[in-house]
Amino acid sequence: MTERKIRILVAKPGLDGHDRGAKVVARALRDAGFEVIYTGLHQTPDMIASAAVQEDVDAVGLSIMSGAHNTLFPAVIQALRARGADDIVVFGGGIIPDDDIVRLKEAGVKGVFTPGTPLKSIIDWVHEHVAE
């Protein structure tokens, strides 16, 4: 019997149309041995939470460049809680000012990565903070 891989849903909430970073992170996570599901652009928090539950993921990685992180990241967490999925680890990245990182963590975002974060740091963080 083989060990189950950590499953991660990578999503782009809101109207943000810049997906290069999300795709780079998704590929790095996949290449590191995780099972990755990428939902594509323009996802609502409910769509993301629904996909996370349907795909039985261990974590959701959110990517945002539009500045709506203080609204959309907590909305995803609330949508997961509404589905009884508060055990799913939520992390995110993008253009996020340092002052907002504390607010996001207080809202339940477990990890926040800004531009320039080495991919290895994200992979190591997932190994450390996400359980199968």
C-alpha atoms as a PDB file:
ATOM      1  CA  MET A   1       0.000   0.000   0.000  1.00  0.00           C
ATOM      2  CA  THR A   2       1.424   3.374  -0.963  1.00  0.00           C
ATOM      3  CA  GLU A   3       1.382   6.474   1.192  1.00  0.00           C
ATOM      4  CA  ARG A   4      -1.177   9.076   0.117  1.00  0.00           C
ATOM      5  CA  LYS A   5       0.308  12.283  -1.253  1.00  0.00           C
ATOM      6  CA  ILE A   6      -0.588  15.637   0.251  1.00  0.00           C
ATOM      7  CA  ARG A   7      -3.315  17.150  -1.953  1.00  0.00           C
ATOM      8  CA  ILE A   8      -3.250  20.912  -2.562  1.00  0.00           C
ATOM      9  CA  LEU A   9      -5.799  23.034  -4.394  1.00  0.00           C
ATOM     10  CA  VAL A  10      -4.263  26.159  -5.961  1.00  0.00           C
ATOM     11  CA  ALA A  11      -6.805  28.877  -6.730  1.00  0.00           C
ATOM     12  CA  LYS A  12      -7.072  32.441  -8.004  1.00  0.00           C
ATOM     13  CA  PRO A  13      -9.924  34.156  -6.143  1.00  0.00           C
ATOM     14  CA  GLY A  14     -11.691  37.203  -7.508  1.00  0.00           C
ATOM     15  CA  LEU A  15     -11.210  39.071 -10.736  1.00  0.00           C
ATOM     16  CA  ASP A  16      -7.419  38.959 -10.719  1.00  0.00           C
ATOM     17  CA  GLY A  17      -6.269  37.790 -14.146  1.00  0.00           C
ATOM     18  CA  HIS A  18      -2.561  37.323 -13.408  1.00  0.00           C
ATOM     19  CA  ASP A  19      -1.943  33.614 -13.022  1.00  0.00           C
ATOM     20  CA  ARG A  20       1.741  33.127 -13.834  1.00  0.00           C
ATOM     21  CA  GLY A  21       2.792  33.036 -10.168  1.00  0.00           C
ATOM     22  CA  ALA A  22       0.034  30.588  -9.244  1.00  0.00           C
ATOM     23  CA  LYS A  23       1.040  28.298 -12.099  1.00  0.00           C
ATOM     24  CA  VAL A  24       4.726  28.469 -11.146  1.00  0.00           C
ATOM     25  CA  VAL A  25       3.935  27.591  -7.519  1.00  0.00           C
ATOM     26  CA  ALA A  26       1.507  24.831  -8.566  1.00  0.00           C
ATOM     27  CA  ARG A  27       4.135  23.267 -10.803  1.00  0.00           C
ATOM     28  CA  ALA A  28       6.836  23.520  -8.117  1.00  0.00           C
ATOM     29  CA  LEU A  29       4.535  21.829  -5.608  1.00  0.00           C
ATOM     30  CA  ARG A  30       3.707  19.099  -8.122  1.00  0.00           C
ATOM     31  CA  ASP A  31       7.386  18.592  -8.940  1.00  0.00           C
ATOM     32  CA  ALA A  32       8.073  18.300  -5.195  1.00  0.00           C
ATOM     33  CA  GLY A  33       5.726  15.311  -5.032  1.00  0.00           C
ATOM     34  CA  PHE A  34       2.450  16.869  -3.953  1.00  0.00           C
ATOM     35  CA  GLU A  35      -0.795  16.220  -5.795  1.00  0.00           C
ATOM     36  CA  VAL A  36      -1.945  19.604  -7.108  1.00  0.00           C
ATOM     37  CA  ILE A  37      -5.311  20.698  -8.478  1.00  0.00           C
ATOM     38  CA  TYR A  38      -5.363  24.122 -10.174  1.00  0.00           C
ATOM     39  CA  THR A  39      -8.830  25.662 -10.469  1.00  0.00           C
ATOM     40  CA  GLY A  40      -7.983  28.474 -12.867  1.00  0.00           C
ATOM     41  CA  LEU A  41      -8.877  32.152 -12.870  1.00  0.00           C
ATOM     42  CA  HIS A  42     -11.846  34.082 -11.489  1.00  0.00           C
ATOM     43  CA  GLN A  43     -12.938  31.724  -8.716  1.00  0.00           C
ATOM     44  CA  THR A  44     -15.389  32.805  -6.031  1.00  0.00           C
ATOM     45  CA  PRO A  45     -14.684  31.837  -2.414  1.00  0.00           C
ATOM     46  CA  ASP A  46     -17.636  29.400  -2.576  1.00  0.00           C
ATOM     47  CA  MET A  47     -16.302  27.808  -5.769  1.00  0.00           C
ATOM     48  CA  ILE A  48     -12.891  27.359  -4.147  1.00  0.00           C
ATOM     49  CA  ALA A  49     -14.324  25.866  -0.955  1.00  0.00           C
ATOM     50  CA  SER A  50     -16.617  23.562  -2.911  1.00  0.00           C
ATOM     51  CA  ALA A  51     -13.740  22.309  -5.065  1.00  0.00           C
ATOM     52  CA  ALA A  52     -11.545  21.830  -1.985  1.00  0.00           C
ATOM     53  CA  VAL A  53     -14.171  19.645  -0.325  1.00  0.00           C
ATOM     54  CA  GLN A  54     -14.966  17.699  -3.507  1.00  0.00           C
ATOM     55  CA  GLU A  55     -11.282  17.071  -4.184  1.00  0.00           C
ATOM     56  CA  ASP A  56     -10.636  16.109  -0.533  1.00  0.00           C
ATOM     57  CA  VAL A  57      -7.582  18.350  -0.318  1.00  0.00           C
ATOM     58  CA  ASP A  58      -5.323  18.880   2.661  1.00  0.00           C
ATOM     59  CA  ALA A  59      -4.549  22.508   1.810  1.00  0.00           C
ATOM     60  CA  VAL A  60      -5.681  25.428  -0.324  1.00  0.00           C
ATOM     61  CA  GLY A  61      -3.101  27.799  -1.774  1.00  0.00           C
ATOM     62  CA  LEU A  62      -4.509  31.160  -2.836  1.00  0.00           C
ATOM     63  CA  SER A  63      -2.794  33.604  -5.170  1.00  0.00           C
ATOM     64  CA  ILE A  64      -3.841  37.215  -5.521  1.00  0.00           C
ATOM     65  CA  MET A  65      -2.384  40.284  -7.151  1.00  0.00           C
ATOM     66  CA  SER A  66      -5.434  42.569  -7.109  1.00  0.00           C
ATOM     67  CA  GLY A  67      -5.232  43.823  -3.531  1.00  0.00           C
ATOM     68  CA  ALA A  68      -8.453  42.116  -2.430  1.00  0.00           C
ATOM     69  CA  HIS A  69      -6.652  39.617  -0.168  1.00  0.00           C
ATOM     70  CA  ASN A  70      -8.135  41.065   3.064  1.00  0.00           C
ATOM     71  CA  THR A  71     -11.616  40.295   1.737  1.00  0.00           C
ATOM     72  CA  LEU A  72     -11.160  37.172  -0.370  1.00  0.00           C
ATOM     73  CA  PHE A  73      -8.784  35.088   1.778  1.00  0.00           C
ATOM     74  CA  PRO A  74     -11.040  35.279   4.875  1.00  0.00           C
ATOM     75  CA  ALA A  75     -14.086  34.625   2.658  1.00  0.00           C
ATOM     76  CA  VAL A  76     -12.505  31.361   1.475  1.00  0.00           C
ATOM     77  CA  ILE A  77     -11.840  30.359   5.083  1.00  0.00           C
ATOM     78  CA  GLN A  78     -15.459  31.151   6.013  1.00  0.00           C
ATOM     79  CA  ALA A  79     -16.746  29.148   3.029  1.00  0.00           C
ATOM     80  CA  LEU A  80     -14.607  26.178   4.117  1.00  0.00           C
ATOM     81  CA  ARG A  81     -15.903  26.449   7.693  1.00  0.00           C
ATOM     82  CA  ALA A  82     -19.483  26.571   6.400  1.00  0.00           C
ATOM     83  CA  ARG A  83     -18.806  23.205   4.749  1.00  0.00           C
ATOM     84  CA  GLY A  84     -17.275  21.721   7.905  1.00  0.00           C
ATOM     85  CA  ALA A  85     -13.805  21.797   6.361  1.00  0.00           C
ATOM     86  CA  ASP A  86     -11.897  23.844   8.924  1.00  0.00           C
ATOM     87  CA  ASP A  87      -9.162  21.184   8.922  1.00  0.00           C
ATOM     88  CA  ILE A  88      -8.024  22.315   5.458  1.00  0.00           C
ATOM     89  CA  VAL A  89      -4.909  24.487   5.776  1.00  0.00           C
ATOM     90  CA  VAL A  90      -5.156  27.783   3.872  1.00  0.00           C
ATOM     91  CA  PHE A  91      -2.047  29.601   2.711  1.00  0.00           C
ATOM     92  CA  GLY A  92      -1.554  32.300   0.148  1.00  0.00           C
ATOM     93  CA  GLY A  93       0.693  34.618  -1.709  1.00  0.00           C
ATOM     94  CA  GLY A  94       0.899  37.550  -4.048  1.00  0.00           C
ATOM     95  CA  ILE A  95       1.182  41.281  -3.661  1.00  0.00           C
ATOM     96  CA  ILE A  96       0.438  41.523   0.052  1.00  0.00           C
ATOM     97  CA  PRO A  97       1.756  44.416   2.156  1.00  0.00           C
ATOM     98  CA  ASP A  98       3.577  43.455   5.356  1.00  0.00           C
ATOM     99  CA  ASP A  99       0.936  45.248   7.451  1.00  0.00           C
ATOM    100  CA  ASP A 100      -1.771  42.957   6.059  1.00  0.00           C
ATOM    101  CA  ILE A 101       0.045  39.695   6.818  1.00  0.00           C
ATOM    102  CA  VAL A 102      -0.797  39.891  10.538  1.00  0.00           C
ATOM    103  CA  ARG A 103      -4.465  40.547   9.726  1.00  0.00           C
ATOM    104  CA  LEU A 104      -4.582  37.569   7.346  1.00  0.00           C
ATOM    105  CA  LYS A 105      -2.993  35.254   9.903  1.00  0.00           C
ATOM    106  CA  GLU A 106      -5.505  36.415  12.526  1.00  0.00           C
ATOM    107  CA  ALA A 107      -8.246  35.514  10.026  1.00  0.00           C
ATOM    108  CA  GLY A 108      -6.877  31.970   9.764  1.00  0.00           C
ATOM    109  CA  VAL A 109      -4.432  32.083   6.857  1.00  0.00           C
ATOM    110  CA  LYS A 110      -1.603  29.838   8.046  1.00  0.00           C
ATOM    111  CA  GLY A 111       1.153  31.035   5.727  1.00  0.00           C
ATOM    112  CA  VAL A 112       1.692  34.097   3.542  1.00  0.00           C
ATOM    113  CA  PHE A 113       4.311  34.330   0.800  1.00  0.00           C
ATOM    114  CA  THR A 114       5.235  37.517  -1.020  1.00  0.00           C
ATOM    115  CA  PRO A 115       7.042  38.039  -4.337  1.00  0.00           C
ATOM    116  CA  GLY A 116      10.606  36.800  -4.265  1.00  0.00           C
ATOM    117  CA  THR A 117       9.929  33.960  -1.826  1.00  0.00           C
ATOM    118  CA  PRO A 118      12.036  31.010  -2.981  1.00  0.00           C
ATOM    119  CA  LEU A 119       9.904  28.106  -4.179  1.00  0.00           C
ATOM    120  CA  LYS A 120      11.860  25.805  -1.855  1.00  0.00           C
ATOM    121  CA  SER A 121      10.653  27.883   1.110  1.00  0.00           C
ATOM    122  CA  ILE A 122       7.027  27.307   0.086  1.00  0.00           C
ATOM    123  CA  ILE A 123       7.633  23.580  -0.438  1.00  0.00           C
ATOM    124  CA  ASP A 124       9.396  23.281   2.933  1.00  0.00           C
ATOM    125  CA  TRP A 125       6.551  25.199   4.605  1.00  0.00           C
ATOM    126  CA  VAL A 126       3.979  22.786   3.156  1.00  0.00           C
ATOM    127  CA  HIS A 127       6.001  19.776   4.365  1.00  0.00           C
ATOM    128  CA  GLU A 128       6.131  21.335   7.822  1.00  0.00           C
ATOM    129  CA  HIS A 129       2.552  22.636   8.181  1.00  0.00           C
ATOM    130  CA  VAL A 130       0.280  20.387   6.118  1.00  0.00           C
ATOM    131  CA  ALA A 131      -0.548  16.859   7.195  1.00  0.00           C
ATOM    132  CA  GLU A 132      -2.143  14.217   5.001  1.00  0.00           C
END
